[in-house]
Amino acid sequence: MKVEIDARRCQGHGRCYDLAPALFGEDDEGYGTVLGDGAVPAGGENEARLAAANCPERAIDVREEA
């Protein structure tokens, strides 16, 4: 599983890094950023989905990898 943030949609609400701090951080202006390469470690799937579901702008994409 991987996560991505669409910077065009992100409005800097910060819910992603509040709900899933192991997956997301913030830039200098408070916008969400993906930590590392976006790969979700084992056991982090629920956090990734929770962050995506709580993003008011739907800027987080969660992709299952084959």
PDB file of N, CA and C in Angstrom:
ATOM      1  N   MET A   1       0.842  -1.167   0.000  1.00  0.00           N
ATOM      2  CA  MET A   1       0.000   0.000   0.000  1.00  0.00           C
ATOM      3  C   MET A   1       0.894   1.239   0.000  1.00  0.00           C
ATOM      4  N   LYS A   2       0.460   2.250  -0.750  1.00  0.00           N
ATOM      5  CA  LYS A   2       1.181   3.527  -0.805  1.00  0.00           C
ATOM      6  C   LYS A   2       0.190   4.670  -0.653  1.00  0.00           C
ATOM      7  N   VAL A   3       0.683   5.778  -0.108  1.00  0.00           N
ATOM      8  CA  VAL A   3      -0.127   6.982   0.009  1.00  0.00           C
ATOM      9  C   VAL A   3       0.525   8.115  -0.776  1.00  0.00           C
ATOM     10  N   GLU A   4      -0.320   8.996  -1.284  1.00  0.00           N
ATOM     11  CA  GLU A   4       0.134  10.196  -1.991  1.00  0.00           C
ATOM     12  C   GLU A   4      -0.771  11.347  -1.587  1.00  0.00           C
ATOM     13  N   ILE A   5      -0.248  12.555  -1.637  1.00  0.00           N
ATOM     14  CA  ILE A   5      -1.046  13.756  -1.414  1.00  0.00           C
ATOM     15  C   ILE A   5      -1.033  14.558  -2.701  1.00  0.00           C
ATOM     16  N   ASP A   6      -2.220  14.926  -3.160  1.00  0.00           N
ATOM     17  CA  ASP A   6      -2.350  15.798  -4.320  1.00  0.00           C
ATOM     18  C   ASP A   6      -2.205  17.235  -3.824  1.00  0.00           C
ATOM     19  N   ALA A   7      -1.059  17.834  -4.093  1.00  0.00           N
ATOM     20  CA  ALA A   7      -0.755  19.177  -3.596  1.00  0.00           C
ATOM     21  C   ALA A   7      -1.732  20.224  -4.123  1.00  0.00           C
ATOM     22  N   ARG A   8      -2.358  19.961  -5.255  1.00  0.00           N
ATOM     23  CA  ARG A   8      -3.326  20.913  -5.811  1.00  0.00           C
ATOM     24  C   ARG A   8      -4.609  20.952  -4.991  1.00  0.00           C
ATOM     25  N   ARG A   9      -4.929  19.842  -4.334  1.00  0.00           N
ATOM     26  CA  ARG A   9      -6.154  19.778  -3.538  1.00  0.00           C
ATOM     27  C   ARG A   9      -5.922  20.071  -2.058  1.00  0.00           C
ATOM     28  N   CYS A  10      -4.727  19.849  -1.553  1.00  0.00           N
ATOM     29  CA  CYS A  10      -4.437  20.022  -0.126  1.00  0.00           C
ATOM     30  C   CYS A  10      -4.614  21.490   0.268  1.00  0.00           C
ATOM     31  N   GLN A  11      -5.354  21.715   1.348  1.00  0.00           N
ATOM     32  CA  GLN A  11      -5.585  23.062   1.852  1.00  0.00           C
ATOM     33  C   GLN A  11      -4.921  23.304   3.209  1.00  0.00           C
ATOM     34  N   GLY A  12      -4.156  22.317   3.695  1.00  0.00           N
ATOM     35  CA  GLY A  12      -3.389  22.498   4.918  1.00  0.00           C
ATOM     36  C   GLY A  12      -4.179  22.343   6.208  1.00  0.00           C
ATOM     37  N   HIS A  13      -5.220  21.534   6.199  1.00  0.00           N
ATOM     38  CA  HIS A  13      -6.007  21.318   7.420  1.00  0.00           C
ATOM     39  C   HIS A  13      -5.216  20.539   8.477  1.00  0.00           C
ATOM     40  N   GLY A  14      -4.273  19.719   8.050  1.00  0.00           N
ATOM     41  CA  GLY A  14      -3.395  19.009   8.985  1.00  0.00           C
ATOM     42  C   GLY A  14      -3.954  17.732   9.577  1.00  0.00           C
ATOM     43  N   ARG A  15      -5.080  17.298   9.122  1.00  0.00           N
ATOM     44  CA  ARG A  15      -5.651  16.071   9.686  1.00  0.00           C
ATOM     45  C   ARG A  15      -4.792  14.856   9.377  1.00  0.00           C
ATOM     46  N   CYS A  16      -4.151  14.839   8.232  1.00  0.00           N
ATOM     47  CA  CYS A  16      -3.335  13.678   7.860  1.00  0.00           C
ATOM     48  C   CYS A  16      -2.208  13.471   8.865  1.00  0.00           C
ATOM     49  N   TYR A  17      -1.453  14.511   9.157  1.00  0.00           N
ATOM     50  CA  TYR A  17      -0.328  14.322  10.077  1.00  0.00           C
ATOM     51  C   TYR A  17      -0.754  14.266  11.532  1.00  0.00           C
ATOM     52  N   ASP A  18      -1.954  14.731  11.850  1.00  0.00           N
ATOM     53  CA  ASP A  18      -2.476  14.539  13.201  1.00  0.00           C
ATOM     54  C   ASP A  18      -2.918  13.093  13.424  1.00  0.00           C
ATOM     55  N   LEU A  19      -3.554  12.516  12.409  1.00  0.00           N
ATOM     56  CA  LEU A  19      -4.094  11.155  12.531  1.00  0.00           C
ATOM     57  C   LEU A  19      -3.077  10.067  12.217  1.00  0.00           C
ATOM     58  N   ALA A  20      -2.119  10.361  11.370  1.00  0.00           N
ATOM     59  CA  ALA A  20      -1.139   9.351  10.956  1.00  0.00           C
ATOM     60  C   ALA A  20       0.256   9.961  10.896  1.00  0.00           C
ATOM     61  N   PRO A  21       0.812  10.332  12.049  1.00  0.00           N
ATOM     62  CA  PRO A  21       2.116  11.010  12.051  1.00  0.00           C
ATOM     63  C   PRO A  21       3.276  10.147  11.564  1.00  0.00           C
ATOM     64  N   ALA A  22       3.100   8.843  11.516  1.00  0.00           N
ATOM     65  CA  ALA A  22       4.153   7.978  10.989  1.00  0.00           C
ATOM     66  C   ALA A  22       4.189   8.004   9.459  1.00  0.00           C
ATOM     67  N   LEU A  23       3.112   8.480   8.844  1.00  0.00           N
ATOM     68  CA  LEU A  23       3.010   8.486   7.380  1.00  0.00           C
ATOM     69  C   LEU A  23       3.101   9.874   6.766  1.00  0.00           C
ATOM     70  N   PHE A  24       2.667  10.894   7.534  1.00  0.00           N
ATOM     71  CA  PHE A  24       2.568  12.244   6.993  1.00  0.00           C
ATOM     72  C   PHE A  24       3.246  13.257   7.905  1.00  0.00           C
ATOM     73  N   GLY A  25       3.786  14.283   7.283  1.00  0.00           N
ATOM     74  CA  GLY A  25       4.364  15.400   8.003  1.00  0.00           C
ATOM     75  C   GLY A  25       3.792  16.676   7.426  1.00  0.00           C
ATOM     76  N   GLU A  26       4.399  17.802   7.796  1.00  0.00           N
ATOM     77  CA  GLU A  26       3.945  19.086   7.264  1.00  0.00           C
ATOM     78  C   GLU A  26       5.126  19.862   6.713  1.00  0.00           C
ATOM     79  N   ASP A  27       4.835  20.672   5.696  1.00  0.00           N
ATOM     80  CA  ASP A  27       5.893  21.515   5.153  1.00  0.00           C
ATOM     81  C   ASP A  27       5.945  22.823   5.944  1.00  0.00           C
ATOM     82  N   ASP A  28       6.760  23.764   5.493  1.00  0.00           N
ATOM     83  CA  ASP A  28       6.951  25.023   6.209  1.00  0.00           C
ATOM     84  C   ASP A  28       5.686  25.878   6.281  1.00  0.00           C
ATOM     85  N   GLU A  29       4.727  25.601   5.394  1.00  0.00           N
ATOM     86  CA  GLU A  29       3.485  26.382   5.366  1.00  0.00           C
ATOM     87  C   GLU A  29       2.308  25.626   5.973  1.00  0.00           C
ATOM     88  N   GLY A  30       2.559  24.427   6.515  1.00  0.00           N
ATOM     89  CA  GLY A  30       1.503  23.655   7.164  1.00  0.00           C
ATOM     90  C   GLY A  30       0.758  22.695   6.270  1.00  0.00           C
ATOM     91  N   TYR A  31       1.187  22.574   5.020  1.00  0.00           N
ATOM     92  CA  TYR A  31       0.544  21.631   4.108  1.00  0.00           C
ATOM     93  C   TYR A  31       1.089  20.228   4.357  1.00  0.00           C
ATOM     94  N   GLY A  32       0.242  19.236   4.149  1.00  0.00           N
ATOM     95  CA  GLY A  32       0.645  17.854   4.369  1.00  0.00           C
ATOM     96  C   GLY A  32       1.673  17.379   3.361  1.00  0.00           C
ATOM     97  N   THR A  33       2.577  16.547   3.834  1.00  0.00           N
ATOM     98  CA  THR A  33       3.567  15.902   2.982  1.00  0.00           C
ATOM     99  C   THR A  33       3.627  14.425   3.340  1.00  0.00           C
ATOM    100  N   VAL A  34       3.965  13.617   2.372  1.00  0.00           N
ATOM    101  CA  VAL A  34       4.149  12.194   2.609  1.00  0.00           C
ATOM    102  C   VAL A  34       5.571  11.969   3.093  1.00  0.00           C
ATOM    103  N   LEU A  35       5.729  11.198   4.149  1.00  0.00           N
ATOM    104  CA  LEU A  35       7.059  10.884   4.650  1.00  0.00           C
ATOM    105  C   LEU A  35       7.644   9.729   3.849  1.00  0.00           C
ATOM    106  N   GLY A  36       8.912   9.822   3.525  1.00  0.00           N
ATOM    107  CA  GLY A  36       9.576   8.768   2.762  1.00  0.00           C
ATOM    108  C   GLY A  36       9.011   8.657   1.363  1.00  0.00           C
ATOM    109  N   ASP A  37       8.917   7.415   0.898  1.00  0.00           N
ATOM    110  CA  ASP A  37       8.434   7.175  -0.463  1.00  0.00           C
ATOM    111  C   ASP A  37       6.934   6.896  -0.514  1.00  0.00           C
ATOM    112  N   GLY A  38       6.256   7.021   0.612  1.00  0.00           N
ATOM    113  CA  GLY A  38       4.812   6.810   0.649  1.00  0.00           C
ATOM    114  C   GLY A  38       4.394   5.389   0.942  1.00  0.00           C
ATOM    115  N   ALA A  39       5.365   4.483   1.044  1.00  0.00           N
ATOM    116  CA  ALA A  39       5.033   3.091   1.350  1.00  0.00           C
ATOM    117  C   ALA A  39       4.512   3.000   2.785  1.00  0.00           C
ATOM    118  N   VAL A  40       3.392   2.340   2.948  1.00  0.00           N
ATOM    119  CA  VAL A  40       2.780   2.177   4.267  1.00  0.00           C
ATOM    120  C   VAL A  40       3.352   0.914   4.898  1.00  0.00           C
ATOM    121  N   PRO A  41       3.972   1.042   6.065  1.00  0.00           N
ATOM    122  CA  PRO A  41       4.539  -0.150   6.704  1.00  0.00           C
ATOM    123  C   PRO A  41       3.434  -1.090   7.193  1.00  0.00           C
ATOM    124  N   ALA A  42       3.798  -2.334   7.373  1.00  0.00           N
ATOM    125  CA  ALA A  42       2.844  -3.326   7.877  1.00  0.00           C
ATOM    126  C   ALA A  42       2.250  -2.814   9.182  1.00  0.00           C
ATOM    127  N   GLY A  43       0.951  -2.898   9.296  1.00  0.00           N
ATOM    128  CA  GLY A  43       0.253  -2.422  10.475  1.00  0.00           C
ATOM    129  C   GLY A  43      -0.199  -0.976  10.374  1.00  0.00           C
ATOM    130  N   GLY A  44       0.216  -0.260   9.346  1.00  0.00           N
ATOM    131  CA  GLY A  44      -0.163   1.143   9.183  1.00  0.00           C
ATOM    132  C   GLY A  44      -1.316   1.371   8.233  1.00  0.00           C
ATOM    133  N   GLU A  45      -1.901   0.291   7.739  1.00  0.00           N
ATOM    134  CA  GLU A  45      -2.968   0.409   6.749  1.00  0.00           C
ATOM    135  C   GLU A  45      -4.183   1.168   7.286  1.00  0.00           C
ATOM    136  N   ASN A  46      -4.560   0.884   8.520  1.00  0.00           N
ATOM    137  CA  ASN A  46      -5.731   1.566   9.093  1.00  0.00           C
ATOM    138  C   ASN A  46      -5.488   3.057   9.255  1.00  0.00           C
ATOM    139  N   GLU A  47      -4.279   3.438   9.680  1.00  0.00           N
ATOM    140  CA  GLU A  47      -3.940   4.855   9.801  1.00  0.00           C
ATOM    141  C   GLU A  47      -4.011   5.550   8.439  1.00  0.00           C
ATOM    142  N   ALA A  48      -3.506   4.890   7.399  1.00  0.00           N
ATOM    143  CA  ALA A  48      -3.534   5.476   6.058  1.00  0.00           C
ATOM    144  C   ALA A  48      -4.967   5.705   5.604  1.00  0.00           C
ATOM    145  N   ARG A  49      -5.815   4.716   5.802  1.00  0.00           N
ATOM    146  CA  ARG A  49      -7.221   4.847   5.398  1.00  0.00           C
ATOM    147  C   ARG A  49      -7.943   5.895   6.237  1.00  0.00           C
ATOM    148  N   LEU A  50      -7.647   5.955   7.523  1.00  0.00           N
ATOM    149  CA  LEU A  50      -8.265   6.941   8.411  1.00  0.00           C
ATOM    150  C   LEU A  50      -7.898   8.360   7.973  1.00  0.00           C
ATOM    151  N   ALA A  51      -6.635   8.579   7.679  1.00  0.00           N
ATOM    152  CA  ALA A  51      -6.195   9.903   7.229  1.00  0.00           C
ATOM    153  C   ALA A  51      -6.885  10.283   5.921  1.00  0.00           C
ATOM    154  N   ALA A  52      -6.958   9.352   4.988  1.00  0.00           N
ATOM    155  CA  ALA A  52      -7.606   9.630   3.701  1.00  0.00           C
ATOM    156  C   ALA A  52      -9.085   9.937   3.893  1.00  0.00           C
ATOM    157  N   ALA A  53      -9.749   9.180   4.738  1.00  0.00           N
ATOM    158  CA  ALA A  53     -11.185   9.372   4.963  1.00  0.00           C
ATOM    159  C   ALA A  53     -11.486  10.695   5.663  1.00  0.00           C
ATOM    160  N   ASN A  54     -10.525  11.222   6.418  1.00  0.00           N
ATOM    161  CA  ASN A  54     -10.749  12.447   7.175  1.00  0.00           C
ATOM    162  C   ASN A  54     -10.213  13.699   6.502  1.00  0.00           C
ATOM    163  N   CYS A  55      -9.654  13.563   5.327  1.00  0.00           N
ATOM    164  CA  CYS A  55      -9.165  14.738   4.597  1.00  0.00           C
ATOM    165  C   CYS A  55     -10.370  15.444   3.959  1.00  0.00           C
ATOM    166  N   PRO A  56     -10.670  16.683   4.384  1.00  0.00           N
ATOM    167  CA  PRO A  56     -11.839  17.370   3.847  1.00  0.00           C
ATOM    168  C   PRO A  56     -11.751  17.652   2.350  1.00  0.00           C
ATOM    169  N   GLU A  57     -10.557  17.732   1.824  1.00  0.00           N
ATOM    170  CA  GLU A  57     -10.370  18.024   0.402  1.00  0.00           C
ATOM    171  C   GLU A  57     -10.191  16.758  -0.435  1.00  0.00           C
ATOM    172  N   ARG A  58     -10.172  15.595   0.223  1.00  0.00           N
ATOM    173  CA  ARG A  58      -9.932  14.311  -0.463  1.00  0.00           C
ATOM    174  C   ARG A  58      -8.636  14.363  -1.260  1.00  0.00           C
ATOM    175  N   ALA A  59      -7.612  14.938  -0.636  1.00  0.00           N
ATOM    176  CA  ALA A  59      -6.314  15.105  -1.302  1.00  0.00           C
ATOM    177  C   ALA A  59      -5.401  13.893  -1.136  1.00  0.00           C
ATOM    178  N   ILE A  60      -5.795  12.935  -0.308  1.00  0.00           N
ATOM    179  CA  ILE A  60      -4.949  11.761  -0.055  1.00  0.00           C
ATOM    180  C   ILE A  60      -5.439  10.586  -0.877  1.00  0.00           C
ATOM    181  N   ASP A  61      -4.538  10.017  -1.638  1.00  0.00           N
ATOM    182  CA  ASP A  61      -4.843   8.801  -2.404  1.00  0.00           C
ATOM    183  C   ASP A  61      -4.138   7.622  -1.749  1.00  0.00           C
ATOM    184  N   VAL A  62      -4.885   6.565  -1.508  1.00  0.00           N
ATOM    185  CA  VAL A  62      -4.334   5.336  -0.962  1.00  0.00           C
ATOM    186  C   VAL A  62      -4.439   4.288  -2.059  1.00  0.00           C
ATOM    187  N   ARG A  63      -3.294   3.733  -2.425  1.00  0.00           N
ATOM    188  CA  ARG A  63      -3.268   2.748  -3.514  1.00  0.00           C
ATOM    189  C   ARG A  63      -2.767   1.407  -2.989  1.00  0.00           C
ATOM    190  N   GLU A  64      -3.538   0.402  -3.284  1.00  0.00           N
ATOM    191  CA  GLU A  64      -3.113  -0.968  -2.981  1.00  0.00           C
ATOM    192  C   GLU A  64      -2.092  -1.357  -4.043  1.00  0.00           C
ATOM    193  N   GLU A  65      -1.027  -1.987  -3.618  1.00  0.00           N
ATOM    194  CA  GLU A  65      -0.013  -2.442  -4.566  1.00  0.00           C
ATOM    195  C   GLU A  65      -0.207  -3.920  -4.833  1.00  0.00           C
ATOM    196  N   ALA A  66       0.022  -4.306  -6.047  1.00  0.00           N
ATOM    197  CA  ALA A  66      -0.145  -5.720  -6.419  1.00  0.00           C
ATOM    198  C   ALA A  66       1.051  -6.545  -6.001  1.00  0.00           C
TER     199      ALA A  66
END
